[in-house]
Full PDB file with SEQRES, HELIX, SHEET, SSBOND, CRYST1, ORIGX, SCALE, CONECT and MASTER records, all heavy atoms in Angstrom:
SEQRES   1 A   35  GLY LEU ALA HIS ALA THR ALA VAL THR SER GLY ARG SER          
SEQRES   2 A   35  PHE ALA GLY ILE ASP SER SER PRO ALA PRO SER LYS ASN          
SEQRES   3 A   35  VAL GLN SER MET CYS ARG VAL ILE GLU                          
HELIX    1 AA1 LEU A    2  SER A   10  1                                   9    
HELIX    2 AA2 MET A   30  ILE A   34  1                                   5    
CRYST1    1.000    1.000    1.000  90.00  90.00  90.00 P 1           1          
ORIGX1      1.000000  0.000000  0.000000        0.00000                         
ORIGX2      0.000000  1.000000  0.000000        0.00000                         
ORIGX3      0.000000  0.000000  1.000000        0.00000                         
SCALE1      1.000000  0.000000  0.000000        0.00000                         
SCALE2      0.000000  1.000000  0.000000        0.00000                         
SCALE3      0.000000  0.000000  1.000000        0.00000                         
ATOM      1  N   GLY A   1     197.482 177.671 235.400  1.00  0.00           N  
ATOM      2  CA  GLY A   1     198.443 176.595 235.191  1.00  0.00           C  
ATOM      3  C   GLY A   1     199.855 177.041 235.491  1.00  0.00           C  
ATOM      4  O   GLY A   1     200.626 176.322 236.161  1.00  0.00           O  
ATOM      5  N   LEU A   2     200.222 178.230 235.023  1.00  0.00           N  
ATOM      6  CA  LEU A   2     201.542 178.778 235.317  1.00  0.00           C  
ATOM      7  C   LEU A   2     201.719 179.012 236.815  1.00  0.00           C  
ATOM      8  O   LEU A   2     202.781 178.733 237.388  1.00  0.00           O  
ATOM      9  CB  LEU A   2     201.746 180.095 234.560  1.00  0.00           C  
ATOM     10  CG  LEU A   2     201.763 180.017 233.029  1.00  0.00           C  
ATOM     11  CD1 LEU A   2     201.808 181.423 232.435  1.00  0.00           C  
ATOM     12  CD2 LEU A   2     202.940 179.190 232.549  1.00  0.00           C  
ATOM     13  N   ALA A   3     200.662 179.522 237.439  1.00  0.00           N  
ATOM     14  CA  ALA A   3     200.730 179.815 238.872  1.00  0.00           C  
ATOM     15  C   ALA A   3     200.912 178.545 239.699  1.00  0.00           C  
ATOM     16  O   ALA A   3     201.726 178.496 240.625  1.00  0.00           O  
ATOM     17  CB  ALA A   3     199.468 180.560 239.307  1.00  0.00           C  
ATOM     18  N   HIS A   4     200.145 177.520 239.379  1.00  0.00           N  
ATOM     19  CA  HIS A   4     200.260 176.267 240.123  1.00  0.00           C  
ATOM     20  C   HIS A   4     201.650 175.654 239.951  1.00  0.00           C  
ATOM     21  O   HIS A   4     202.245 175.151 240.920  1.00  0.00           O  
ATOM     22  CB  HIS A   4     199.194 175.278 239.662  1.00  0.00           C  
ATOM     23  CG  HIS A   4     197.825 175.558 240.200  1.00  0.00           C  
ATOM     24  ND1 HIS A   4     197.535 175.564 241.554  1.00  0.00           N  
ATOM     25  CD2 HIS A   4     196.658 175.849 239.560  1.00  0.00           C  
ATOM     26  CE1 HIS A   4     196.256 175.839 241.734  1.00  0.00           C  
ATOM     27  NE2 HIS A   4     195.702 176.025 240.539  1.00  0.00           N  
ATOM     28  N   ALA A   5     202.192 175.701 238.742  1.00  0.00           N  
ATOM     29  CA  ALA A   5     203.517 175.137 238.500  1.00  0.00           C  
ATOM     30  C   ALA A   5     204.586 175.898 239.288  1.00  0.00           C  
ATOM     31  O   ALA A   5     205.498 175.297 239.866  1.00  0.00           O  
ATOM     32  CB  ALA A   5     203.834 175.165 237.003  1.00  0.00           C  
ATOM     33  N   THR A   6     204.468 177.215 239.314  1.00  0.00           N  
ATOM     34  CA  THR A   6     205.431 178.031 240.050  1.00  0.00           C  
ATOM     35  C   THR A   6     205.297 177.809 241.551  1.00  0.00           C  
ATOM     36  O   THR A   6     206.296 177.811 242.280  1.00  0.00           O  
ATOM     37  CB  THR A   6     205.233 179.518 239.724  1.00  0.00           C  
ATOM     38  OG1 THR A   6     205.203 179.687 238.309  1.00  0.00           O  
ATOM     39  CG2 THR A   6     206.359 180.356 240.295  1.00  0.00           C  
ATOM     40  N   ALA A   7     204.066 177.616 242.008  1.00  0.00           N  
ATOM     41  CA  ALA A   7     203.844 177.369 243.431  1.00  0.00           C  
ATOM     42  C   ALA A   7     204.546 176.091 243.885  1.00  0.00           C  
ATOM     43  O   ALA A   7     205.126 176.037 244.978  1.00  0.00           O  
ATOM     44  CB  ALA A   7     202.349 177.280 243.722  1.00  0.00           C  
ATOM     45  N   VAL A   8     204.518 175.064 243.055  1.00  0.00           N  
ATOM     46  CA  VAL A   8     205.138 173.781 243.412  1.00  0.00           C  
ATOM     47  C   VAL A   8     206.637 173.939 243.609  1.00  0.00           C  
ATOM     48  O   VAL A   8     207.217 173.408 244.561  1.00  0.00           O  
ATOM     49  CB  VAL A   8     204.857 172.727 242.312  1.00  0.00           C  
ATOM     50  CG1 VAL A   8     205.694 171.474 242.535  1.00  0.00           C  
ATOM     51  CG2 VAL A   8     203.378 172.373 242.290  1.00  0.00           C  
ATOM     52  N   THR A   9     207.276 174.703 242.730  1.00  0.00           N  
ATOM     53  CA  THR A   9     208.732 174.843 242.803  1.00  0.00           C  
ATOM     54  C   THR A   9     209.178 175.866 243.843  1.00  0.00           C  
ATOM     55  O   THR A   9     210.310 175.829 244.307  1.00  0.00           O  
ATOM     56  CB  THR A   9     209.295 175.253 241.432  1.00  0.00           C  
ATOM     57  OG1 THR A   9     208.687 176.492 241.008  1.00  0.00           O  
ATOM     58  CG2 THR A   9     209.008 174.183 240.392  1.00  0.00           C  
ATOM     59  N   SER A  10     208.268 176.777 244.218  1.00  0.00           N  
ATOM     60  CA  SER A  10     208.659 177.852 245.142  1.00  0.00           C  
ATOM     61  C   SER A  10     208.270 177.592 246.583  1.00  0.00           C  
ATOM     62  O   SER A  10     208.837 178.184 247.503  1.00  0.00           O  
ATOM     63  CB  SER A  10     208.024 179.174 244.704  1.00  0.00           C  
ATOM     64  OG  SER A  10     206.617 179.147 244.928  1.00  0.00           O  
ATOM     65  N   GLY A  11     207.284 176.743 246.785  1.00  0.00           N  
ATOM     66  CA  GLY A  11     206.777 176.523 248.131  1.00  0.00           C  
ATOM     67  C   GLY A  11     205.795 177.574 248.591  1.00  0.00           C  
ATOM     68  O   GLY A  11     205.280 177.517 249.707  1.00  0.00           O  
ATOM     69  N   ARG A  12     205.487 178.550 247.736  1.00  0.00           N  
ATOM     70  CA  ARG A  12     204.504 179.598 248.060  1.00  0.00           C  
ATOM     71  C   ARG A  12     203.162 179.178 247.477  1.00  0.00           C  
ATOM     72  O   ARG A  12     203.075 178.748 246.333  1.00  0.00           O  
ATOM     73  CB  ARG A  12     204.953 180.930 247.462  1.00  0.00           C  
ATOM     74  CG  ARG A  12     204.131 182.127 247.894  1.00  0.00           C  
ATOM     75  CD  ARG A  12     204.675 183.397 247.257  1.00  0.00           C  
ATOM     76  NE  ARG A  12     206.004 183.712 247.748  1.00  0.00           N  
ATOM     77  CZ  ARG A  12     206.246 184.458 248.816  1.00  0.00           C  
ATOM     78  NH1 ARG A  12     205.235 184.970 249.512  1.00  0.00           N  
ATOM     79  NH2 ARG A  12     207.475 184.708 249.202  1.00  0.00           N  
ATOM     80  N   SER A  13     202.074 179.300 248.235  1.00  0.00           N  
ATOM     81  CA  SER A  13     200.781 178.785 247.785  1.00  0.00           C  
ATOM     82  C   SER A  13     200.055 179.773 246.881  1.00  0.00           C  
ATOM     83  O   SER A  13     200.073 180.991 247.110  1.00  0.00           O  
ATOM     84  CB  SER A  13     199.898 178.443 248.990  1.00  0.00           C  
ATOM     85  OG  SER A  13     199.614 179.606 249.741  1.00  0.00           O  
ATOM     86  N   PHE A  14     199.426 179.237 245.843  1.00  0.00           N  
ATOM     87  CA  PHE A  14     198.612 180.038 244.928  1.00  0.00           C  
ATOM     88  C   PHE A  14     197.206 180.129 245.494  1.00  0.00           C  
ATOM     89  O   PHE A  14     196.497 179.130 245.604  1.00  0.00           O  
ATOM     90  CB  PHE A  14     198.595 179.396 243.543  1.00  0.00           C  
ATOM     91  CG  PHE A  14     197.660 180.050 242.570  1.00  0.00           C  
ATOM     92  CD1 PHE A  14     197.672 181.419 242.366  1.00  0.00           C  
ATOM     93  CD2 PHE A  14     196.758 179.279 241.833  1.00  0.00           C  
ATOM     94  CE1 PHE A  14     196.806 182.022 241.461  1.00  0.00           C  
ATOM     95  CE2 PHE A  14     195.898 179.869 240.922  1.00  0.00           C  
ATOM     96  CZ  PHE A  14     195.918 181.240 240.734  1.00  0.00           C  
ATOM     97  N   ALA A  15     196.777 181.366 245.867  1.00  0.00           N  
ATOM     98  CA  ALA A  15     195.478 181.557 246.509  1.00  0.00           C  
ATOM     99  C   ALA A  15     194.355 181.807 245.522  1.00  0.00           C  
ATOM    100  O   ALA A  15     193.191 181.562 245.839  1.00  0.00           O  
ATOM    101  CB  ALA A  15     195.544 182.702 247.518  1.00  0.00           C  
ATOM    102  N   GLY A  16     194.672 182.305 244.306  1.00  0.00           N  
ATOM    103  CA  GLY A  16     193.613 182.502 243.332  1.00  0.00           C  
ATOM    104  C   GLY A  16     193.801 183.713 242.453  1.00  0.00           C  
ATOM    105  O   GLY A  16     194.860 184.361 242.441  1.00  0.00           O  
ATOM    106  N   ILE A  17     192.749 184.040 241.703  1.00  0.00           N  
ATOM    107  CA  ILE A  17     192.739 185.140 240.740  1.00  0.00           C  
ATOM    108  C   ILE A  17     191.575 186.066 241.055  1.00  0.00           C  
ATOM    109  O   ILE A  17     190.469 185.615 241.344  1.00  0.00           O  
ATOM    110  CB  ILE A  17     192.622 184.600 239.300  1.00  0.00           C  
ATOM    111  CG1 ILE A  17     193.952 183.951 238.867  1.00  0.00           C  
ATOM    112  CG2 ILE A  17     192.218 185.698 238.312  1.00  0.00           C  
ATOM    113  CD1 ILE A  17     193.928 183.359 237.477  1.00  0.00           C  
ATOM    114  N   ASP A  18     191.839 187.369 241.020  1.00  0.00           N  
ATOM    115  CA  ASP A  18     190.755 188.353 241.091  1.00  0.00           C  
ATOM    116  C   ASP A  18     190.242 188.535 239.666  1.00  0.00           C  
ATOM    117  O   ASP A  18     190.959 189.042 238.793  1.00  0.00           O  
ATOM    118  CB  ASP A  18     191.268 189.677 241.658  1.00  0.00           C  
ATOM    119  CG  ASP A  18     190.143 190.659 241.965  1.00  0.00           C  
ATOM    120  OD1 ASP A  18     189.181 190.728 241.169  1.00  0.00           O  
ATOM    121  OD2 ASP A  18     190.217 191.370 242.987  1.00  0.00           O  
ATOM    122  N   SER A  19     189.010 188.103 239.426  1.00  0.00           N  
ATOM    123  CA  SER A  19     188.461 188.094 238.073  1.00  0.00           C  
ATOM    124  C   SER A  19     187.925 189.445 237.615  1.00  0.00           C  
ATOM    125  O   SER A  19     187.358 189.556 236.526  1.00  0.00           O  
ATOM    126  CB  SER A  19     187.340 187.051 237.965  1.00  0.00           C  
ATOM    127  OG  SER A  19     186.248 187.406 238.803  1.00  0.00           O  
ATOM    128  N   SER A  20     188.105 190.483 238.419  1.00  0.00           N  
ATOM    129  CA  SER A  20     187.650 191.815 238.012  1.00  0.00           C  
ATOM    130  C   SER A  20     188.395 192.270 236.761  1.00  0.00           C  
ATOM    131  O   SER A  20     189.609 192.081 236.662  1.00  0.00           O  
ATOM    132  CB  SER A  20     187.916 192.838 239.122  1.00  0.00           C  
ATOM    133  OG  SER A  20     187.418 192.418 240.367  1.00  0.00           O  
ATOM    134  N   PRO A  21     187.694 192.897 235.817  1.00  0.00           N  
ATOM    135  CA  PRO A  21     188.386 193.506 234.674  1.00  0.00           C  
ATOM    136  C   PRO A  21     188.895 194.884 235.091  1.00  0.00           C  
ATOM    137  O   PRO A  21     188.297 195.914 234.761  1.00  0.00           O  
ATOM    138  CB  PRO A  21     187.295 193.599 233.610  1.00  0.00           C  
ATOM    139  CG  PRO A  21     186.035 193.761 234.391  1.00  0.00           C  
ATOM    140  CD  PRO A  21     186.229 193.031 235.702  1.00  0.00           C  
ATOM    141  N   ALA A  22     189.991 194.921 235.836  1.00  0.00           N  
ATOM    142  CA  ALA A  22     190.443 196.161 236.471  1.00  0.00           C  
ATOM    143  C   ALA A  22     190.549 197.302 235.462  1.00  0.00           C  
ATOM    144  O   ALA A  22     191.078 197.115 234.368  1.00  0.00           O  
ATOM    145  CB  ALA A  22     191.785 195.931 237.147  1.00  0.00           C  
ATOM    146  N   PRO A  23     190.057 198.489 235.810  1.00  0.00           N  
ATOM    147  CA  PRO A  23     190.091 199.621 234.889  1.00  0.00           C  
ATOM    148  C   PRO A  23     191.442 200.321 234.903  1.00  0.00           C  
ATOM    149  O   PRO A  23     192.208 200.221 235.866  1.00  0.00           O  
ATOM    150  CB  PRO A  23     189.010 200.541 235.454  1.00  0.00           C  
ATOM    151  CG  PRO A  23     189.083 200.295 236.940  1.00  0.00           C  
ATOM    152  CD  PRO A  23     189.402 198.827 237.085  1.00  0.00           C  
ATOM    153  N   SER A  24     191.756 201.035 233.848  1.00  0.00           N  
ATOM    154  CA  SER A  24     192.881 201.964 233.832  1.00  0.00           C  
ATOM    155  C   SER A  24     192.639 202.962 232.718  1.00  0.00           C  
ATOM    156  O   SER A  24     191.799 202.744 231.831  1.00  0.00           O  
ATOM    157  CB  SER A  24     194.222 201.244 233.625  1.00  0.00           C  
ATOM    158  OG  SER A  24     194.487 201.027 232.251  1.00  0.00           O  
ATOM    159  N   LYS A  25     193.380 204.051 232.744  1.00  0.00           N  
ATOM    160  CA  LYS A  25     193.197 205.103 231.743  1.00  0.00           C  
ATOM    161  C   LYS A  25     193.750 204.697 230.382  1.00  0.00           C  
ATOM    162  O   LYS A  25     193.557 205.409 229.393  1.00  0.00           O  
ATOM    163  CB  LYS A  25     193.861 206.391 232.223  1.00  0.00           C  
ATOM    164  CG  LYS A  25     195.352 206.275 232.463  1.00  0.00           C  
ATOM    165  CD  LYS A  25     195.919 207.478 233.194  1.00  0.00           C  
ATOM    166  CE  LYS A  25     195.912 208.726 232.362  1.00  0.00           C  
ATOM    167  NZ  LYS A  25     196.621 209.846 233.036  1.00  0.00           N  
ATOM    168  N   ASN A  26     194.431 203.554 230.309  1.00  0.00           N  
ATOM    169  CA  ASN A  26     195.085 203.133 229.075  1.00  0.00           C  
ATOM    170  C   ASN A  26     194.323 202.060 228.300  1.00  0.00           C  
ATOM    171  O   ASN A  26     194.822 201.547 227.293  1.00  0.00           O  
ATOM    172  CB  ASN A  26     196.497 202.626 229.385  1.00  0.00           C  
ATOM    173  CG  ASN A  26     197.354 203.689 230.041  1.00  0.00           C  
ATOM    174  OD1 ASN A  26     197.376 204.830 229.609  1.00  0.00           O  
ATOM    175  ND2 ASN A  26     198.042 203.318 231.117  1.00  0.00           N  
ATOM    176  N   VAL A  27     193.135 201.688 228.795  1.00  0.00           N  
ATOM    177  CA  VAL A  27     192.345 200.667 228.107  1.00  0.00           C  
ATOM    178  C   VAL A  27     190.930 201.193 227.873  1.00  0.00           C  
ATOM    179  O   VAL A  27     190.580 202.292 228.302  1.00  0.00           O  
ATOM    180  CB  VAL A  27     192.293 199.347 228.915  1.00  0.00           C  
ATOM    181  CG1 VAL A  27     193.679 198.742 229.045  1.00  0.00           C  
ATOM    182  CG2 VAL A  27     191.667 199.567 230.299  1.00  0.00           C  
ATOM    183  N   GLN A  28     190.114 200.397 227.209  1.00  0.00           N  
ATOM    184  CA  GLN A  28     188.729 200.773 226.958  1.00  0.00           C  
ATOM    185  C   GLN A  28     187.989 201.015 228.282  1.00  0.00           C  
ATOM    186  O   GLN A  28     188.262 200.374 229.288  1.00  0.00           O  
ATOM    187  CB  GLN A  28     188.018 199.665 226.190  1.00  0.00           C  
ATOM    188  CG  GLN A  28     188.489 199.504 224.759  1.00  0.00           C  
ATOM    189  CD  GLN A  28     187.771 200.439 223.800  1.00  0.00           C  
ATOM    190  OE1 GLN A  28     186.925 201.241 224.184  1.00  0.00           O  
ATOM    191  NE2 GLN A  28     188.106 200.325 222.524  1.00  0.00           N  
ATOM    192  N   SER A  29     187.056 201.938 228.241  1.00  0.00           N  
ATOM    193  CA  SER A  29     186.261 202.238 229.424  1.00  0.00           C  
ATOM    194  C   SER A  29     185.183 201.176 229.635  1.00  0.00           C  
ATOM    195  O   SER A  29     184.597 200.663 228.672  1.00  0.00           O  
ATOM    196  CB  SER A  29     185.597 203.607 229.279  1.00  0.00           C  
ATOM    197  OG  SER A  29     184.645 203.823 230.301  1.00  0.00           O  
ATOM    198  N   MET A  30     184.912 200.877 230.902  1.00  0.00           N  
ATOM    199  CA  MET A  30     183.793 199.987 231.197  1.00  0.00           C  
ATOM    200  C   MET A  30     182.465 200.643 230.825  1.00  0.00           C  
ATOM    201  O   MET A  30     181.457 199.957 230.665  1.00  0.00           O  
ATOM    202  CB  MET A  30     183.803 199.584 232.671  1.00  0.00           C  
ATOM    203  CG  MET A  30     184.949 198.651 233.058  1.00  0.00           C  
ATOM    204  SD  MET A  30     185.019 197.140 232.052  1.00  0.00           S  
ATOM    205  CE  MET A  30     183.464 196.360 232.516  1.00  0.00           C  
ATOM    206  N   CYS A  31     182.455 201.952 230.655  1.00  0.00           N  
ATOM    207  CA  CYS A  31     181.247 202.628 230.156  1.00  0.00           C  
ATOM    208  C   CYS A  31     180.904 202.134 228.756  1.00  0.00           C  
ATOM    209  O   CYS A  31     179.728 201.990 228.399  1.00  0.00           O  
ATOM    210  CB  CYS A  31     181.457 204.140 230.130  1.00  0.00           C  
ATOM    211  SG  CYS A  31     181.656 204.901 231.749  1.00  0.00           S  
ATOM    212  N   ARG A  32     181.924 201.876 227.956  1.00  0.00           N  
ATOM    213  CA  ARG A  32     181.700 201.373 226.603  1.00  0.00           C  
ATOM    214  C   ARG A  32     181.046 199.996 226.648  1.00  0.00           C  
ATOM    215  O   ARG A  32     180.160 199.678 225.834  1.00  0.00           O  
ATOM    216  CB  ARG A  32     183.043 201.304 225.854  1.00  0.00           C  
ATOM    217  CG  ARG A  32     182.972 200.710 224.450  1.00  0.00           C  
ATOM    218  CD  ARG A  32     182.109 201.529 223.529  1.00  0.00           C  
ATOM    219  NE  ARG A  32     182.101 200.977 222.170  1.00  0.00           N  
ATOM    220  CZ  ARG A  32     181.097 201.124 221.317  1.00  0.00           C  
ATOM    221  NH1 ARG A  32     180.020 201.826 221.654  1.00  0.00           N  
ATOM    222  NH2 ARG A  32     181.162 200.601 220.116  1.00  0.00           N  
ATOM    223  N   VAL A  33     181.450 199.178 227.594  1.00  0.00           N  
ATOM    224  CA  VAL A  33     180.845 197.852 227.756  1.00  0.00           C  
ATOM    225  C   VAL A  33     179.362 197.994 228.083  1.00  0.00           C  
ATOM    226  O   VAL A  33     178.514 197.297 227.507  1.00  0.00           O  
ATOM    227  CB  VAL A  33     181.570 197.056 228.863  1.00  0.00           C  
ATOM    228  CG1 VAL A  33     180.887 195.711 229.099  1.00  0.00           C  
ATOM    229  CG2 VAL A  33     183.040 196.847 228.493  1.00  0.00           C  
ATOM    230  N   ILE A  34     179.047 198.891 229.002  1.00  0.00           N  
ATOM    231  CA  ILE A  34     177.644 199.135 229.382  1.00  0.00           C  
ATOM    232  C   ILE A  34     176.828 199.572 228.169  1.00  0.00           C  
ATOM    233  O   ILE A  34     175.705 199.099 227.935  1.00  0.00           O  
ATOM    234  CB  ILE A  34     177.571 200.206 230.490  1.00  0.00           C  
ATOM    235  CG1 ILE A  34     178.292 199.753 231.773  1.00  0.00           C  
ATOM    236  CG2 ILE A  34     176.114 200.573 230.793  1.00  0.00           C  
ATOM    237  CD1 ILE A  34     177.638 198.650 232.514  1.00  0.00           C  
ATOM    238  N   GLU A  35     177.392 200.474 227.366  1.00  0.00           N  
ATOM    239  CA  GLU A  35     176.676 200.974 226.187  1.00  0.00           C  
ATOM    240  C   GLU A  35     176.457 199.881 225.148  1.00  0.00           C  
ATOM    241  O   GLU A  35     175.405 199.823 224.505  1.00  0.00           O  
ATOM    242  CB  GLU A  35     177.454 202.135 225.576  1.00  0.00           C  
ATOM    243  CG  GLU A  35     177.461 203.390 226.452  1.00  0.00           C  
ATOM    244  CD  GLU A  35     178.503 204.402 226.028  1.00  0.00           C  
ATOM    245  OE1 GLU A  35     179.249 204.116 225.052  1.00  0.00           O  
ATOM    246  OE2 GLU A  35     178.591 205.466 226.660  1.00  0.00           O  
TER     247      GLU A  35                                                      
MASTER        0    0    0    2    0    0    0    6  246    1    0    3          
END                                                                             
C-alpha cells in the first residue's frame, strides 16, 4: 500500500516484493525454522 501510494506521486512504477525471508547474521537462522 505504501509502495503504490509513493509510485503514484513519484511516477516510478512499483514492480513488486521479493518474498524471500532474506538471511543475515543478526536474525534467527533458517536452520532453526527447519528444526
